[in-house]
Amino acid sequence: MLKFDRTVSSSGNIKDVRKESEYYSHLTFEKRAEVFAYLQSVAYNYPLGNPPKLDRLIYSKR
């Protein structure tokens, strides 16, 4: 049976979250959007600036 490894990650604490939110609150909207796009590209493993497209042929009527 697989066990969850709790040593790999942690939820952090309130002080760390406050520091992070303070840093990002001073950024402009455009900079925040760039950071968000970068984090999404890393999380979903696609090249930055080239996100995957939805294949609409599946949903089309014939």
C-alpha atoms as a PDB file:
ATOM      1  CA  MET A   1       0.000   0.000   0.000  1.00  0.00           C
ATOM      2  CA  LEU A   2       1.311   3.457  -0.903  1.00  0.00           C
ATOM      3  CA  LYS A   3       1.856   5.943   1.907  1.00  0.00           C
ATOM      4  CA  PHE A   4       1.773   9.715   1.676  1.00  0.00           C
ATOM      5  CA  ASP A   5       5.260  11.169   2.246  1.00  0.00           C
ATOM      6  CA  ARG A   6       4.740  14.156   4.536  1.00  0.00           C
ATOM      7  CA  THR A   7       8.408  15.169   4.462  1.00  0.00           C
ATOM      8  CA  VAL A   8       8.275  16.335   0.835  1.00  0.00           C
ATOM      9  CA  SER A   9       6.031  19.351   1.309  1.00  0.00           C
ATOM     10  CA  SER A  10       4.494  21.431   4.045  1.00  0.00           C
ATOM     11  CA  SER A  11       1.601  23.831   4.219  1.00  0.00           C
ATOM     12  CA  GLY A  12       3.816  26.594   5.607  1.00  0.00           C
ATOM     13  CA  ASN A  13       2.715  29.080   8.205  1.00  0.00           C
ATOM     14  CA  ILE A  14       0.895  32.396   8.345  1.00  0.00           C
ATOM     15  CA  LYS A  15       4.100  34.478   8.516  1.00  0.00           C
ATOM     16  CA  ASP A  16       5.422  32.982   5.264  1.00  0.00           C
ATOM     17  CA  VAL A  17       2.117  33.585   3.498  1.00  0.00           C
ATOM     18  CA  ARG A  18       2.047  37.188   4.684  1.00  0.00           C
ATOM     19  CA  LYS A  19       5.572  37.812   3.306  1.00  0.00           C
ATOM     20  CA  GLU A  20       4.660  36.327  -0.071  1.00  0.00           C
ATOM     21  CA  SER A  21       1.397  38.242  -0.395  1.00  0.00           C
ATOM     22  CA  GLU A  22       3.123  41.486   0.575  1.00  0.00           C
ATOM     23  CA  TYR A  23       5.701  41.006  -2.188  1.00  0.00           C
ATOM     24  CA  TYR A  24       3.097  40.325  -4.882  1.00  0.00           C
ATOM     25  CA  SER A  25       0.745  43.099  -3.748  1.00  0.00           C
ATOM     26  CA  HIS A  26       3.282  45.740  -4.832  1.00  0.00           C
ATOM     27  CA  LEU A  27       3.591  44.360  -8.363  1.00  0.00           C
ATOM     28  CA  THR A  28       1.606  45.804 -11.251  1.00  0.00           C
ATOM     29  CA  PHE A  29      -1.234  43.836 -12.777  1.00  0.00           C
ATOM     30  CA  GLU A  30       0.891  43.023 -15.841  1.00  0.00           C
ATOM     31  CA  LYS A  31       3.758  41.672 -13.714  1.00  0.00           C
ATOM     32  CA  ARG A  32       1.339  39.534 -11.682  1.00  0.00           C
ATOM     33  CA  ALA A  33      -0.081  38.142 -14.919  1.00  0.00           C
ATOM     34  CA  GLU A  34       3.440  37.255 -16.105  1.00  0.00           C
ATOM     35  CA  VAL A  35       4.166  35.449 -12.828  1.00  0.00           C
ATOM     36  CA  PHE A  36       0.843  33.592 -13.057  1.00  0.00           C
ATOM     37  CA  ALA A  37       1.532  32.538 -16.656  1.00  0.00           C
ATOM     38  CA  TYR A  38       4.998  31.294 -15.714  1.00  0.00           C
ATOM     39  CA  LEU A  39       3.728  29.290 -12.739  1.00  0.00           C
ATOM     40  CA  GLN A  40       1.001  27.708 -14.868  1.00  0.00           C
ATOM     41  CA  SER A  41       3.503  26.751 -17.564  1.00  0.00           C
ATOM     42  CA  VAL A  42       5.670  25.064 -14.932  1.00  0.00           C
ATOM     43  CA  ALA A  43       2.724  23.334 -13.235  1.00  0.00           C
ATOM     44  CA  TYR A  44       1.224  21.953 -16.457  1.00  0.00           C
ATOM     45  CA  ASN A  45       4.557  21.404 -18.251  1.00  0.00           C
ATOM     46  CA  TYR A  46       4.133  23.445 -21.416  1.00  0.00           C
ATOM     47  CA  PRO A  47       6.471  26.041 -22.972  1.00  0.00           C
ATOM     48  CA  LEU A  48       5.958  29.586 -21.741  1.00  0.00           C
ATOM     49  CA  GLY A  49       3.954  31.581 -24.281  1.00  0.00           C
ATOM     50  CA  ASN A  50       2.594  28.475 -26.020  1.00  0.00           C
ATOM     51  CA  PRO A  51      -0.245  27.066 -23.876  1.00  0.00           C
ATOM     52  CA  PRO A  52      -2.114  23.976 -25.063  1.00  0.00           C
ATOM     53  CA  LYS A  53      -5.241  24.574 -27.139  1.00  0.00           C
ATOM     54  CA  LEU A  54      -8.606  22.922 -26.659  1.00  0.00           C
ATOM     55  CA  ASP A  55      -9.447  20.495 -29.455  1.00  0.00           C
ATOM     56  CA  ARG A  56     -12.898  21.734 -30.510  1.00  0.00           C
ATOM     57  CA  LEU A  57     -13.435  19.011 -33.088  1.00  0.00           C
ATOM     58  CA  ILE A  58     -14.620  16.704 -30.331  1.00  0.00           C
ATOM     59  CA  TYR A  59     -17.487  19.057 -29.473  1.00  0.00           C
ATOM     60  CA  SER A  60     -18.564  20.030 -32.982  1.00  0.00           C
ATOM     61  CA  LYS A  61     -21.855  18.908 -34.528  1.00  0.00           C
ATOM     62  CA  ARG A  62     -21.798  17.200 -37.908  1.00  0.00           C
END
